């Protein structure tokens, strides 16, 4: 059996120190992550309703860039988190909305008409 060398001991000590330092980082990180992903921190995206499928809980929006998803402006179909979000909308309405990934699908989580 080989005996650990001095350089191995130094490396192990450095790794242990790094582990202790990194163990302290998550204390502050979750609060920052929560603030960055909270609806108040995420700007709403402007869009126009192109089509509504109330039965399937889907909406087609022509929209500007969705910054929190790194998505450019385009027209696409979204699931809605709650079908009641579609209640007061009609095709042609200008809207502001929030979208995020929910269970792997890009989903509208909030939407409001621009009057």
C-alpha atoms as a PDB file:
ATOM      1  CA  UNK A   1       0.000   0.000   0.000  1.00  0.00           C
ATOM      2  CA  UNK A   2       1.333   3.445  -0.895  1.00  0.00           C
ATOM      3  CA  UNK A   3       1.652   6.151   1.699  1.00  0.00           C
ATOM      4  CA  UNK A   4       0.119   9.531   0.910  1.00  0.00           C
ATOM      5  CA  UNK A   5       2.676  12.072  -0.155  1.00  0.00           C
ATOM      6  CA  UNK A   6       2.980  15.583   1.198  1.00  0.00           C
ATOM      7  CA  UNK A   7       1.530  17.013  -2.042  1.00  0.00           C
ATOM      8  CA  UNK A   8      -1.534  14.773  -1.718  1.00  0.00           C
ATOM      9  CA  UNK A   9      -2.027  16.008   1.820  1.00  0.00           C
ATOM     10  CA  UNK A  10      -1.765  19.637   0.641  1.00  0.00           C
ATOM     11  CA  UNK A  11      -4.317  18.999  -2.117  1.00  0.00           C
ATOM     12  CA  UNK A  12      -6.671  17.320   0.331  1.00  0.00           C
ATOM     13  CA  UNK A  13      -6.352  20.236   2.739  1.00  0.00           C
ATOM     14  CA  UNK A  14      -7.053  22.718  -0.072  1.00  0.00           C
ATOM     15  CA  UNK A  15     -10.142  20.780  -1.150  1.00  0.00           C
ATOM     16  CA  UNK A  16     -11.423  20.647   2.411  1.00  0.00           C
ATOM     17  CA  UNK A  17     -10.910  24.418   2.774  1.00  0.00           C
ATOM     18  CA  UNK A  18     -12.748  25.001  -0.508  1.00  0.00           C
ATOM     19  CA  UNK A  19     -15.576  22.770   0.687  1.00  0.00           C
ATOM     20  CA  UNK A  20     -15.917  24.772   3.881  1.00  0.00           C
ATOM     21  CA  UNK A  21     -15.919  28.061   1.940  1.00  0.00           C
ATOM     22  CA  UNK A  22     -18.447  26.850  -0.609  1.00  0.00           C
ATOM     23  CA  UNK A  23     -20.640  25.440   2.126  1.00  0.00           C
ATOM     24  CA  UNK A  24     -21.035  29.003   3.374  1.00  0.00           C
ATOM     25  CA  UNK A  25     -22.125  30.426  -0.023  1.00  0.00           C
ATOM     26  CA  UNK A  26     -25.635  28.930  -0.259  1.00  0.00           C
ATOM     27  CA  UNK A  27     -26.719  30.879   2.807  1.00  0.00           C
ATOM     28  CA  UNK A  28     -26.939  34.058   0.687  1.00  0.00           C
ATOM     29  CA  UNK A  29     -27.576  32.472  -2.719  1.00  0.00           C
ATOM     30  CA  UNK A  30     -31.164  31.218  -2.211  1.00  0.00           C
ATOM     31  CA  UNK A  31     -32.431  34.662  -1.210  1.00  0.00           C
ATOM     32  CA  UNK A  32     -30.893  36.144  -4.357  1.00  0.00           C
ATOM     33  CA  UNK A  33     -32.260  33.342  -6.514  1.00  0.00           C
ATOM     34  CA  UNK A  34     -35.746  33.731  -5.046  1.00  0.00           C
ATOM     35  CA  UNK A  35     -35.672  37.500  -5.579  1.00  0.00           C
ATOM     36  CA  UNK A  36     -34.513  37.090  -9.179  1.00  0.00           C
ATOM     37  CA  UNK A  37     -37.231  34.579 -10.006  1.00  0.00           C
ATOM     38  CA  UNK A  38     -40.080  36.248  -8.141  1.00  0.00           C
ATOM     39  CA  UNK A  39     -42.851  37.804 -10.254  1.00  0.00           C
ATOM     40  CA  UNK A  40     -42.032  41.274  -8.913  1.00  0.00           C
ATOM     41  CA  UNK A  41     -38.467  40.965 -10.266  1.00  0.00           C
ATOM     42  CA  UNK A  42     -39.532  39.585 -13.661  1.00  0.00           C
ATOM     43  CA  UNK A  43     -40.689  42.215 -16.145  1.00  0.00           C
ATOM     44  CA  UNK A  44     -43.958  41.529 -17.916  1.00  0.00           C
ATOM     45  CA  UNK A  45     -43.850  40.935 -21.673  1.00  0.00           C
ATOM     46  CA  UNK A  46     -46.044  42.800 -24.156  1.00  0.00           C
ATOM     47  CA  UNK A  47     -48.103  40.688 -26.514  1.00  0.00           C
ATOM     48  CA  UNK A  48     -51.189  40.352 -28.663  1.00  0.00           C
ATOM     49  CA  UNK A  49     -53.720  37.520 -28.390  1.00  0.00           C
ATOM     50  CA  UNK A  50     -53.901  35.654 -31.690  1.00  0.00           C
ATOM     51  CA  UNK A  51     -55.979  32.646 -30.619  1.00  0.00           C
ATOM     52  CA  UNK A  52     -57.528  31.202 -27.450  1.00  0.00           C
ATOM     53  CA  UNK A  53     -58.329  27.534 -26.805  1.00  0.00           C
ATOM     54  CA  UNK A  54     -60.240  27.562 -23.532  1.00  0.00           C
ATOM     55  CA  UNK A  55     -60.937  23.810 -23.631  1.00  0.00           C
ATOM     56  CA  UNK A  56     -57.228  22.948 -23.732  1.00  0.00           C
ATOM     57  CA  UNK A  57     -56.127  25.894 -21.588  1.00  0.00           C
ATOM     58  CA  UNK A  58     -53.863  27.329 -24.287  1.00  0.00           C
ATOM     59  CA  UNK A  59     -53.290  30.758 -25.784  1.00  0.00           C
ATOM     60  CA  UNK A  60     -51.424  31.848 -28.904  1.00  0.00           C
ATOM     61  CA  UNK A  61     -49.573  35.111 -28.389  1.00  0.00           C
ATOM     62  CA  UNK A  62     -47.505  37.296 -30.673  1.00  0.00           C
ATOM     63  CA  UNK A  63     -45.019  38.652 -28.151  1.00  0.00           C
ATOM     64  CA  UNK A  64     -41.865  40.629 -27.593  1.00  0.00           C
ATOM     65  CA  UNK A  65     -38.738  39.188 -25.983  1.00  0.00           C
ATOM     66  CA  UNK A  66     -39.320  37.149 -22.814  1.00  0.00           C
ATOM     67  CA  UNK A  67     -36.249  38.172 -20.844  1.00  0.00           C
ATOM     68  CA  UNK A  68     -36.438  35.623 -18.012  1.00  0.00           C
ATOM     69  CA  UNK A  69     -36.489  32.786 -20.571  1.00  0.00           C
ATOM     70  CA  UNK A  70     -33.945  34.341 -22.956  1.00  0.00           C
ATOM     71  CA  UNK A  71     -36.529  34.072 -25.742  1.00  0.00           C
ATOM     72  CA  UNK A  72     -36.788  36.495 -28.677  1.00  0.00           C
ATOM     73  CA  UNK A  73     -40.079  37.924 -29.865  1.00  0.00           C
ATOM     74  CA  UNK A  74     -42.227  35.539 -31.916  1.00  0.00           C
ATOM     75  CA  UNK A  75     -45.708  34.035 -32.151  1.00  0.00           C
ATOM     76  CA  UNK A  76     -46.239  30.842 -30.190  1.00  0.00           C
ATOM     77  CA  UNK A  77     -48.738  28.739 -28.265  1.00  0.00           C
ATOM     78  CA  UNK A  78     -48.505  28.718 -24.469  1.00  0.00           C
ATOM     79  CA  UNK A  79     -50.163  26.608 -21.813  1.00  0.00           C
ATOM     80  CA  UNK A  80     -51.787  28.682 -19.084  1.00  0.00           C
ATOM     81  CA  UNK A  81     -51.200  27.913 -15.414  1.00  0.00           C
ATOM     82  CA  UNK A  82     -54.875  28.518 -14.619  1.00  0.00           C
ATOM     83  CA  UNK A  83     -57.637  28.389 -17.270  1.00  0.00           C
ATOM     84  CA  UNK A  84     -59.425  31.257 -15.500  1.00  0.00           C
ATOM     85  CA  UNK A  85     -56.662  33.534 -16.831  1.00  0.00           C
ATOM     86  CA  UNK A  86     -58.351  33.270 -20.242  1.00  0.00           C
ATOM     87  CA  UNK A  87     -61.805  34.276 -19.019  1.00  0.00           C
ATOM     88  CA  UNK A  88     -61.768  37.990 -19.936  1.00  0.00           C
ATOM     89  CA  UNK A  89     -59.545  37.785 -23.028  1.00  0.00           C
ATOM     90  CA  UNK A  90     -60.443  37.766 -26.712  1.00  0.00           C
ATOM     91  CA  UNK A  91     -58.506  37.560 -29.969  1.00  0.00           C
ATOM     92  CA  UNK A  92     -56.846  40.848 -30.851  1.00  0.00           C
ATOM     93  CA  UNK A  93     -56.454  42.002 -27.226  1.00  0.00           C
ATOM     94  CA  UNK A  94     -53.165  43.632 -26.332  1.00  0.00           C
ATOM     95  CA  UNK A  95     -51.807  42.072 -23.143  1.00  0.00           C
ATOM     96  CA  UNK A  96     -48.905  42.026 -20.696  1.00  0.00           C
ATOM     97  CA  UNK A  97     -47.962  38.614 -19.341  1.00  0.00           C
ATOM     98  CA  UNK A  98     -45.496  36.543 -17.355  1.00  0.00           C
ATOM     99  CA  UNK A  99     -44.270  33.199 -18.622  1.00  0.00           C
ATOM    100  CA  UNK A 100     -42.000  30.627 -17.036  1.00  0.00           C
ATOM    101  CA  UNK A 101     -41.080  26.965 -17.340  1.00  0.00           C
ATOM    102  CA  UNK A 102     -43.546  24.844 -15.368  1.00  0.00           C
ATOM    103  CA  UNK A 103     -42.949  21.085 -15.429  1.00  0.00           C
ATOM    104  CA  UNK A 104     -40.840  21.531 -18.553  1.00  0.00           C
ATOM    105  CA  UNK A 105     -43.459  23.502 -20.524  1.00  0.00           C
ATOM    106  CA  UNK A 106     -43.357  27.240 -21.133  1.00  0.00           C
ATOM    107  CA  UNK A 107     -46.478  28.432 -19.352  1.00  0.00           C
ATOM    108  CA  UNK A 108     -48.255  31.757 -18.936  1.00  0.00           C
ATOM    109  CA  UNK A 109     -48.486  32.301 -15.183  1.00  0.00           C
ATOM    110  CA  UNK A 110     -50.097  35.769 -15.236  1.00  0.00           C
ATOM    111  CA  UNK A 111     -51.770  37.857 -17.938  1.00  0.00           C
ATOM    112  CA  UNK A 112     -53.618  41.146 -18.022  1.00  0.00           C
ATOM    113  CA  UNK A 113     -55.227  43.125 -20.843  1.00  0.00           C
ATOM    114  CA  UNK A 114     -53.718  46.508 -21.716  1.00  0.00           C
ATOM    115  CA  UNK A 115     -56.566  49.009 -21.743  1.00  0.00           C
END
